[in-house]
Amino acid sequence: MNNLKGTLVNKHIKKISNYAMIGGMSAVVIATLTGCGSDTPKEEPKAEAKPVIQKEGATVTIEEKPVGTFKIIDEVPSVSSRVILKDENGTERILSQPEIDKLIAEEEKKVDSGTSNLTKNPDEVKESGGLGLAGTLMASMAAGMLGAALMNKLSNNQNYQNNRRGSYRSSSTYSRSQNSFSKARANNAAAKASGATKRSGFGKSSPAKTSSSTRSSGFGG
């Protein structure tokens, strides 16, 4: 009888021991998994926004009023250059590229022969009825993109510079145009400078250490 009791007690003790062992192993596994899962996930680097650089184009609105007399009535920076012609009835149309090319080619021949109003004294131009459509186009901010070769020939001519100012409907129209293009150039310069700084590495913070270095040092499980 005593032997039977002893056997039962030993079996019971052995069961408890086994349960304790299994419980201990489970705790170790859970602790291990918890420790591995606590690693800080690696953050993906965020794509840096590229600086917005505006191409130096212009949208120019030229009014013909009265017939044969042309004045710039509006001019704003844009990615591409286009010319809007408004007649005395208020009807607008956009000049096609072939039309623009023809006007510039004709004006360039006049510049080369010395007969263009662009290079004449402003008083003489006023008496003769103005610059004409081609001359007004070349006096606008779109001239550099649409007629770069001709613009190079005119850039150092003082009469041309004076006639440009007179090609606008009013002094306020001219000032508004100059201010809008000055602001666009300043924004472009700032965008280019920002892009150059980022490419050179200035202004960047040092990268954060990854969780692998933490594990190698013995912290974090």
C-alpha atoms as a PDB file:
ATOM      1  CA  MET A   1       0.000   0.000   0.000  1.00  0.00           C
ATOM      2  CA  ASN A   2       2.778   2.402   0.918  1.00  0.00           C
ATOM      3  CA  ASN A   3       4.590   1.532  -2.299  1.00  0.00           C
ATOM      4  CA  LEU A   4       1.464   2.342  -4.325  1.00  0.00           C
ATOM      5  CA  LYS A   5       1.105   5.736  -2.637  1.00  0.00           C
ATOM      6  CA  GLY A   6       4.772   6.486  -3.256  1.00  0.00           C
ATOM      7  CA  THR A   7       4.432   5.626  -6.921  1.00  0.00           C
ATOM      8  CA  LEU A   8       1.387   7.901  -7.302  1.00  0.00           C
ATOM      9  CA  VAL A   9       3.170  10.768  -5.552  1.00  0.00           C
ATOM     10  CA  ASN A  10       6.220  10.419  -7.783  1.00  0.00           C
ATOM     11  CA  LYS A  11       4.051  10.449 -10.923  1.00  0.00           C
ATOM     12  CA  HIS A  12       2.266  13.556  -9.698  1.00  0.00           C
ATOM     13  CA  ILE A  13       5.561  15.313  -8.943  1.00  0.00           C
ATOM     14  CA  LYS A  14       6.880  14.342 -12.383  1.00  0.00           C
ATOM     15  CA  LYS A  15       3.760  15.828 -14.079  1.00  0.00           C
ATOM     16  CA  ILE A  16       4.170  19.079 -12.194  1.00  0.00           C
ATOM     17  CA  SER A  17       7.833  19.192 -13.164  1.00  0.00           C
ATOM     18  CA  ASN A  18       6.974  18.632 -16.831  1.00  0.00           C
ATOM     19  CA  TYR A  19       4.329  21.384 -16.746  1.00  0.00           C
ATOM     20  CA  ALA A  20       6.798  23.723 -15.118  1.00  0.00           C
ATOM     21  CA  MET A  21       9.405  22.953 -17.774  1.00  0.00           C
ATOM     22  CA  ILE A  22       6.925  23.557 -20.614  1.00  0.00           C
ATOM     23  CA  GLY A  23       5.772  26.786 -19.002  1.00  0.00           C
ATOM     24  CA  GLY A  24       9.337  27.994 -18.644  1.00  0.00           C
ATOM     25  CA  MET A  25      10.144  27.221 -22.254  1.00  0.00           C
ATOM     26  CA  SER A  26       6.997  29.062 -23.394  1.00  0.00           C
ATOM     27  CA  ALA A  27       8.009  32.096 -21.386  1.00  0.00           C
ATOM     28  CA  VAL A  28      11.457  32.061 -23.004  1.00  0.00           C
ATOM     29  CA  VAL A  29       9.930  31.825 -26.513  1.00  0.00           C
ATOM     30  CA  ILE A  30       7.479  34.645 -25.806  1.00  0.00           C
ATOM     31  CA  ALA A  31      10.218  36.836 -24.363  1.00  0.00           C
ATOM     32  CA  THR A  32      12.407  36.156 -27.394  1.00  0.00           C
ATOM     33  CA  LEU A  33       9.642  36.980 -29.837  1.00  0.00           C
ATOM     34  CA  THR A  34       8.766  40.119 -27.895  1.00  0.00           C
ATOM     35  CA  GLY A  35      12.394  41.229 -27.861  1.00  0.00           C
ATOM     36  CA  CYS A  36      12.776  40.709 -31.630  1.00  0.00           C
ATOM     37  CA  GLY A  37       9.500  42.448 -32.361  1.00  0.00           C
ATOM     38  CA  SER A  38      10.512  45.492 -30.356  1.00  0.00           C
ATOM     39  CA  ASP A  39      13.114  46.515 -32.927  1.00  0.00           C
ATOM     40  CA  THR A  40      12.291  49.910 -34.410  1.00  0.00           C
ATOM     41  CA  PRO A  41      11.286  49.401 -38.066  1.00  0.00           C
ATOM     42  CA  LYS A  42      13.626  51.043 -40.555  1.00  0.00           C
ATOM     43  CA  GLU A  43      12.077  54.209 -41.931  1.00  0.00           C
ATOM     44  CA  GLU A  44      12.061  54.567 -45.687  1.00  0.00           C
ATOM     45  CA  PRO A  45      13.704  57.843 -46.764  1.00  0.00           C
ATOM     46  CA  LYS A  46      11.166  60.359 -47.955  1.00  0.00           C
ATOM     47  CA  ALA A  47      11.558  61.611 -51.487  1.00  0.00           C
ATOM     48  CA  GLU A  48      12.647  65.235 -51.445  1.00  0.00           C
ATOM     49  CA  ALA A  49      10.436  67.629 -53.371  1.00  0.00           C
ATOM     50  CA  LYS A  50      12.232  68.939 -56.433  1.00  0.00           C
ATOM     51  CA  PRO A  51      12.490  72.702 -56.714  1.00  0.00           C
ATOM     52  CA  VAL A  52       9.989  74.127 -59.155  1.00  0.00           C
ATOM     53  CA  ILE A  53      11.789  76.057 -61.854  1.00  0.00           C
ATOM     54  CA  GLN A  54       9.646  78.070 -64.220  1.00  0.00           C
ATOM     55  CA  LYS A  55      10.813  78.374 -67.800  1.00  0.00           C
ATOM     56  CA  GLU A  56      11.175  81.992 -68.871  1.00  0.00           C
ATOM     57  CA  GLY A  57       8.333  82.261 -71.331  1.00  0.00           C
ATOM     58  CA  ALA A  58       5.576  84.867 -71.604  1.00  0.00           C
ATOM     59  CA  THR A  59       1.945  85.084 -72.577  1.00  0.00           C
ATOM     60  CA  VAL A  60       1.490  88.415 -74.314  1.00  0.00           C
ATOM     61  CA  THR A  61      -1.786  90.077 -75.291  1.00  0.00           C
ATOM     62  CA  ILE A  62      -1.452  92.707 -78.024  1.00  0.00           C
ATOM     63  CA  GLU A  63      -4.359  94.978 -78.872  1.00  0.00           C
ATOM     64  CA  GLU A  64      -4.856  96.457 -82.327  1.00  0.00           C
ATOM     65  CA  LYS A  65      -6.740  99.679 -81.697  1.00  0.00           C
ATOM     66  CA  PRO A  66      -7.228 101.564 -83.939  1.00  0.00           C
ATOM     67  CA  VAL A  67      -6.490  99.373 -86.949  1.00  0.00           C
ATOM     68  CA  GLY A  68      -2.755  99.260 -87.657  1.00  0.00           C
ATOM     69  CA  THR A  69      -1.746 100.481 -84.189  1.00  0.00           C
ATOM     70  CA  PHE A  70      -0.559  97.817 -81.739  1.00  0.00           C
ATOM     71  CA  LYS A  71      -0.002  98.014 -77.982  1.00  0.00           C
ATOM     72  CA  ILE A  72       0.807  95.422 -75.316  1.00  0.00           C
ATOM     73  CA  ILE A  73      -2.114  95.392 -72.873  1.00  0.00           C
ATOM     74  CA  ASP A  74      -1.162  92.370 -70.763  1.00  0.00           C
ATOM     75  CA  GLU A  75       1.901  90.243 -70.214  1.00  0.00           C
ATOM     76  CA  VAL A  76       2.524  87.446 -67.703  1.00  0.00           C
ATOM     77  CA  PRO A  77       5.231  84.790 -67.164  1.00  0.00           C
ATOM     78  CA  SER A  78       4.424  81.321 -68.472  1.00  0.00           C
ATOM     79  CA  VAL A  79       6.155  78.024 -69.261  1.00  0.00           C
ATOM     80  CA  SER A  80       5.803  78.523 -73.016  1.00  0.00           C
ATOM     81  CA  SER A  81       5.408  81.737 -74.979  1.00  0.00           C
ATOM     82  CA  ARG A  82       2.288  82.634 -76.886  1.00  0.00           C
ATOM     83  CA  VAL A  83       0.906  85.786 -78.445  1.00  0.00           C
ATOM     84  CA  ILE A  84      -2.767  86.744 -78.256  1.00  0.00           C
ATOM     85  CA  LEU A  85      -3.988  89.339 -80.738  1.00  0.00           C
ATOM     86  CA  LYS A  86      -7.080  91.347 -79.776  1.00  0.00           C
ATOM     87  CA  ASP A  87      -8.806  93.453 -82.411  1.00  0.00           C
ATOM     88  CA  GLU A  88     -10.723  96.677 -81.845  1.00  0.00           C
ATOM     89  CA  ASN A  89     -13.980  94.707 -81.496  1.00  0.00           C
ATOM     90  CA  GLY A  90     -12.541  92.726 -78.579  1.00  0.00           C
ATOM     91  CA  THR A  91     -12.156  89.470 -80.541  1.00  0.00           C
ATOM     92  CA  GLU A  92      -9.053  87.517 -79.526  1.00  0.00           C
ATOM     93  CA  ARG A  93      -7.062  84.873 -81.340  1.00  0.00           C
ATOM     94  CA  ILE A  94      -3.736  83.174 -80.685  1.00  0.00           C
ATOM     95  CA  LEU A  95      -1.096  83.676 -83.357  1.00  0.00           C
ATOM     96  CA  SER A  96       0.172  80.416 -84.821  1.00  0.00           C
ATOM     97  CA  GLN A  97       3.862  79.578 -84.794  1.00  0.00           C
ATOM     98  CA  PRO A  98       4.158  80.012 -88.598  1.00  0.00           C
ATOM     99  CA  GLU A  99       2.621  83.494 -88.271  1.00  0.00           C
ATOM    100  CA  ILE A 100       5.069  84.415 -85.513  1.00  0.00           C
ATOM    101  CA  ASP A 101       8.052  83.051 -87.465  1.00  0.00           C
ATOM    102  CA  LYS A 102       7.021  85.069 -90.536  1.00  0.00           C
ATOM    103  CA  LEU A 103       6.624  88.295 -88.545  1.00  0.00           C
ATOM    104  CA  ILE A 104      10.024  87.889 -86.886  1.00  0.00           C
ATOM    105  CA  ALA A 105      11.766  87.032 -90.176  1.00  0.00           C
ATOM    106  CA  GLU A 106      10.322  90.156 -91.830  1.00  0.00           C
ATOM    107  CA  GLU A 107      11.331  92.359 -88.891  1.00  0.00           C
ATOM    108  CA  GLU A 108      14.846  90.915 -88.881  1.00  0.00           C
ATOM    109  CA  LYS A 109      15.284  91.920 -92.532  1.00  0.00           C
ATOM    110  CA  LYS A 110      14.272  95.482 -91.608  1.00  0.00           C
ATOM    111  CA  VAL A 111      16.730  95.517 -88.694  1.00  0.00           C
ATOM    112  CA  ASP A 112      19.531  94.322 -90.969  1.00  0.00           C
ATOM    113  CA  SER A 113      18.703  97.012 -93.540  1.00  0.00           C
ATOM    114  CA  GLY A 114      18.314  99.753 -90.898  1.00  0.00           C
ATOM    115  CA  THR A 115      14.631 100.412 -91.691  1.00  0.00           C
ATOM    116  CA  SER A 116      13.041  98.832 -88.595  1.00  0.00           C
ATOM    117  CA  ASN A 117      11.109 101.153 -86.300  1.00  0.00           C
ATOM    118  CA  LEU A 118      12.587  99.207 -83.381  1.00  0.00           C
ATOM    119  CA  THR A 119      15.928 100.935 -83.892  1.00  0.00           C
ATOM    120  CA  LYS A 120      14.583 104.404 -84.699  1.00  0.00           C
ATOM    121  CA  ASN A 121      14.154 107.333 -82.336  1.00  0.00           C
ATOM    122  CA  PRO A 122      10.954 106.909 -80.237  1.00  0.00           C
ATOM    123  CA  ASP A 123       9.578 110.289 -81.405  1.00  0.00           C
ATOM    124  CA  GLU A 124       9.989 109.251 -85.031  1.00  0.00           C
ATOM    125  CA  VAL A 125       8.312 105.912 -84.272  1.00  0.00           C
ATOM    126  CA  LYS A 126       5.357 107.658 -82.646  1.00  0.00           C
ATOM    127  CA  GLU A 127       4.864 109.926 -85.660  1.00  0.00           C
ATOM    128  CA  SER A 128       4.969 106.967 -88.039  1.00  0.00           C
ATOM    129  CA  GLY A 129       2.184 105.091 -86.234  1.00  0.00           C
ATOM    130  CA  GLY A 130       4.107 102.819 -83.885  1.00  0.00           C
ATOM    131  CA  LEU A 131       6.147  99.660 -84.116  1.00  0.00           C
ATOM    132  CA  GLY A 132       3.709  97.526 -86.094  1.00  0.00           C
ATOM    133  CA  LEU A 133       2.705  94.019 -85.038  1.00  0.00           C
ATOM    134  CA  ALA A 134       6.130  92.445 -85.560  1.00  0.00           C
ATOM    135  CA  GLY A 135       7.914  95.276 -83.773  1.00  0.00           C
ATOM    136  CA  THR A 136       5.476  95.165 -80.845  1.00  0.00           C
ATOM    137  CA  LEU A 137       6.002  91.407 -80.590  1.00  0.00           C
ATOM    138  CA  MET A 138       9.771  91.889 -80.477  1.00  0.00           C
ATOM    139  CA  ALA A 139       9.354  94.592 -77.829  1.00  0.00           C
ATOM    140  CA  SER A 140       7.543  92.157 -75.543  1.00  0.00           C
ATOM    141  CA  MET A 141       8.965  89.789 -72.923  1.00  0.00           C
ATOM    142  CA  ALA A 142       8.293  86.890 -75.301  1.00  0.00           C
ATOM    143  CA  ALA A 143      10.909  88.176 -77.750  1.00  0.00           C
ATOM    144  CA  GLY A 144      13.793  86.308 -76.158  1.00  0.00           C
ATOM    145  CA  MET A 145      12.134  82.924 -76.596  1.00  0.00           C
ATOM    146  CA  LEU A 146      10.385  83.514 -79.928  1.00  0.00           C
ATOM    147  CA  GLY A 147      13.099  85.488 -81.699  1.00  0.00           C
ATOM    148  CA  ALA A 148      16.363  84.873 -79.850  1.00  0.00           C
ATOM    149  CA  ALA A 149      18.627  85.595 -82.826  1.00  0.00           C
ATOM    150  CA  LEU A 150      16.963  88.929 -83.558  1.00  0.00           C
ATOM    151  CA  MET A 151      16.897  89.776 -79.868  1.00  0.00           C
ATOM    152  CA  ASN A 152      20.682  89.414 -79.754  1.00  0.00           C
ATOM    153  CA  LYS A 153      21.002  91.983 -82.530  1.00  0.00           C
ATOM    154  CA  LEU A 154      18.769  94.457 -80.693  1.00  0.00           C
ATOM    155  CA  SER A 155      19.849  94.028 -77.078  1.00  0.00           C
ATOM    156  CA  ASN A 156      22.549  96.728 -77.131  1.00  0.00           C
ATOM    157  CA  ASN A 157      20.544  99.258 -79.128  1.00  0.00           C
ATOM    158  CA  GLN A 158      19.398 102.156 -76.947  1.00  0.00           C
ATOM    159  CA  ASN A 159      16.529 103.156 -79.257  1.00  0.00           C
ATOM    160  CA  TYR A 160      15.223  99.602 -79.033  1.00  0.00           C
ATOM    161  CA  GLN A 161      15.297  99.733 -75.229  1.00  0.00           C
ATOM    162  CA  ASN A 162      13.397 103.037 -75.242  1.00  0.00           C
ATOM    163  CA  ASN A 163      10.862 101.778 -77.787  1.00  0.00           C
ATOM    164  CA  ARG A 164      10.150  98.717 -75.671  1.00  0.00           C
ATOM    165  CA  ARG A 165       8.763 100.888 -72.886  1.00  0.00           C
ATOM    166  CA  GLY A 166       6.598 102.780 -75.375  1.00  0.00           C
ATOM    167  CA  SER A 167       5.104  99.574 -76.783  1.00  0.00           C
ATOM    168  CA  TYR A 168       2.830  99.125 -73.730  1.00  0.00           C
ATOM    169  CA  ARG A 169      -0.626 100.657 -73.487  1.00  0.00           C
ATOM    170  CA  SER A 170       0.336 102.590 -70.339  1.00  0.00           C
ATOM    171  CA  SER A 171       3.178 103.036 -67.886  1.00  0.00           C
ATOM    172  CA  SER A 172       1.235 101.001 -65.313  1.00  0.00           C
ATOM    173  CA  THR A 173       0.970  98.094 -67.770  1.00  0.00           C
ATOM    174  CA  TYR A 174       4.716  98.242 -68.300  1.00  0.00           C
ATOM    175  CA  SER A 175       5.432  98.387 -64.542  1.00  0.00           C
ATOM    176  CA  ARG A 176       3.075  95.494 -63.802  1.00  0.00           C
ATOM    177  CA  SER A 177       4.829  93.380 -66.422  1.00  0.00           C
ATOM    178  CA  GLN A 178       8.294  94.219 -65.104  1.00  0.00           C
ATOM    179  CA  ASN A 179       7.271  93.395 -61.529  1.00  0.00           C
ATOM    180  CA  SER A 180       5.725  90.040 -62.444  1.00  0.00           C
ATOM    181  CA  PHE A 181       8.794  88.957 -64.416  1.00  0.00           C
ATOM    182  CA  SER A 182      11.191  90.154 -61.723  1.00  0.00           C
ATOM    183  CA  LYS A 183       9.299  88.059 -59.192  1.00  0.00           C
ATOM    184  CA  ALA A 184       9.369  85.024 -61.496  1.00  0.00           C
ATOM    185  CA  ARG A 185      13.148  85.364 -61.952  1.00  0.00           C
ATOM    186  CA  ALA A 186      13.655  85.676 -58.191  1.00  0.00           C
ATOM    187  CA  ASN A 187      11.608  82.529 -57.600  1.00  0.00           C
ATOM    188  CA  ASN A 188      13.602  80.674 -60.244  1.00  0.00           C
ATOM    189  CA  ALA A 189      16.892  81.793 -58.690  1.00  0.00           C
ATOM    190  CA  ALA A 190      15.745  80.632 -55.259  1.00  0.00           C
ATOM    191  CA  ALA A 191      14.608  77.268 -56.650  1.00  0.00           C
ATOM    192  CA  LYS A 192      17.928  76.734 -58.453  1.00  0.00           C
ATOM    193  CA  ALA A 193      19.899  77.682 -55.325  1.00  0.00           C
ATOM    194  CA  SER A 194      17.835  75.293 -53.234  1.00  0.00           C
ATOM    195  CA  GLY A 195      18.472  72.467 -55.683  1.00  0.00           C
ATOM    196  CA  ALA A 196      22.219  73.147 -55.725  1.00  0.00           C
ATOM    197  CA  THR A 197      22.355  73.128 -51.906  1.00  0.00           C
ATOM    198  CA  LYS A 198      20.591  69.768 -51.687  1.00  0.00           C
ATOM    199  CA  ARG A 199      22.850  68.211 -54.329  1.00  0.00           C
ATOM    200  CA  SER A 200      25.995  69.422 -52.541  1.00  0.00           C
ATOM    201  CA  GLY A 201      24.899  67.852 -49.252  1.00  0.00           C
ATOM    202  CA  PHE A 202      24.578  71.052 -47.223  1.00  0.00           C
ATOM    203  CA  GLY A 203      21.590  71.424 -44.966  1.00  0.00           C
ATOM    204  CA  LYS A 204      21.063  67.684 -44.553  1.00  0.00           C
ATOM    205  CA  SER A 205      20.872  66.070 -41.119  1.00  0.00           C
ATOM    206  CA  SER A 206      22.943  62.963 -40.427  1.00  0.00           C
ATOM    207  CA  PRO A 207      21.013  59.711 -41.039  1.00  0.00           C
ATOM    208  CA  ALA A 208      19.472  58.011 -38.007  1.00  0.00           C
ATOM    209  CA  LYS A 209      21.174  54.839 -36.797  1.00  0.00           C
ATOM    210  CA  THR A 210      19.334  51.656 -37.701  1.00  0.00           C
ATOM    211  CA  SER A 211      18.144  49.082 -35.193  1.00  0.00           C
ATOM    212  CA  SER A 212      20.928  46.688 -36.290  1.00  0.00           C
ATOM    213  CA  SER A 213      23.496  48.811 -34.441  1.00  0.00           C
ATOM    214  CA  THR A 214      21.335  48.630 -31.335  1.00  0.00           C
ATOM    215  CA  ARG A 215      21.171  44.859 -31.519  1.00  0.00           C
ATOM    216  CA  SER A 216      24.931  44.568 -32.057  1.00  0.00           C
ATOM    217  CA  SER A 217      25.569  46.581 -28.918  1.00  0.00           C
ATOM    218  CA  GLY A 218      23.558  44.113 -26.879  1.00  0.00           C
ATOM    219  CA  PHE A 219      20.499  46.305 -26.230  1.00  0.00           C
ATOM    220  CA  GLY A 220      16.995  45.654 -27.433  1.00  0.00           C
ATOM    221  CA  GLY A 221      16.959  41.844 -26.994  1.00  0.00           C
END
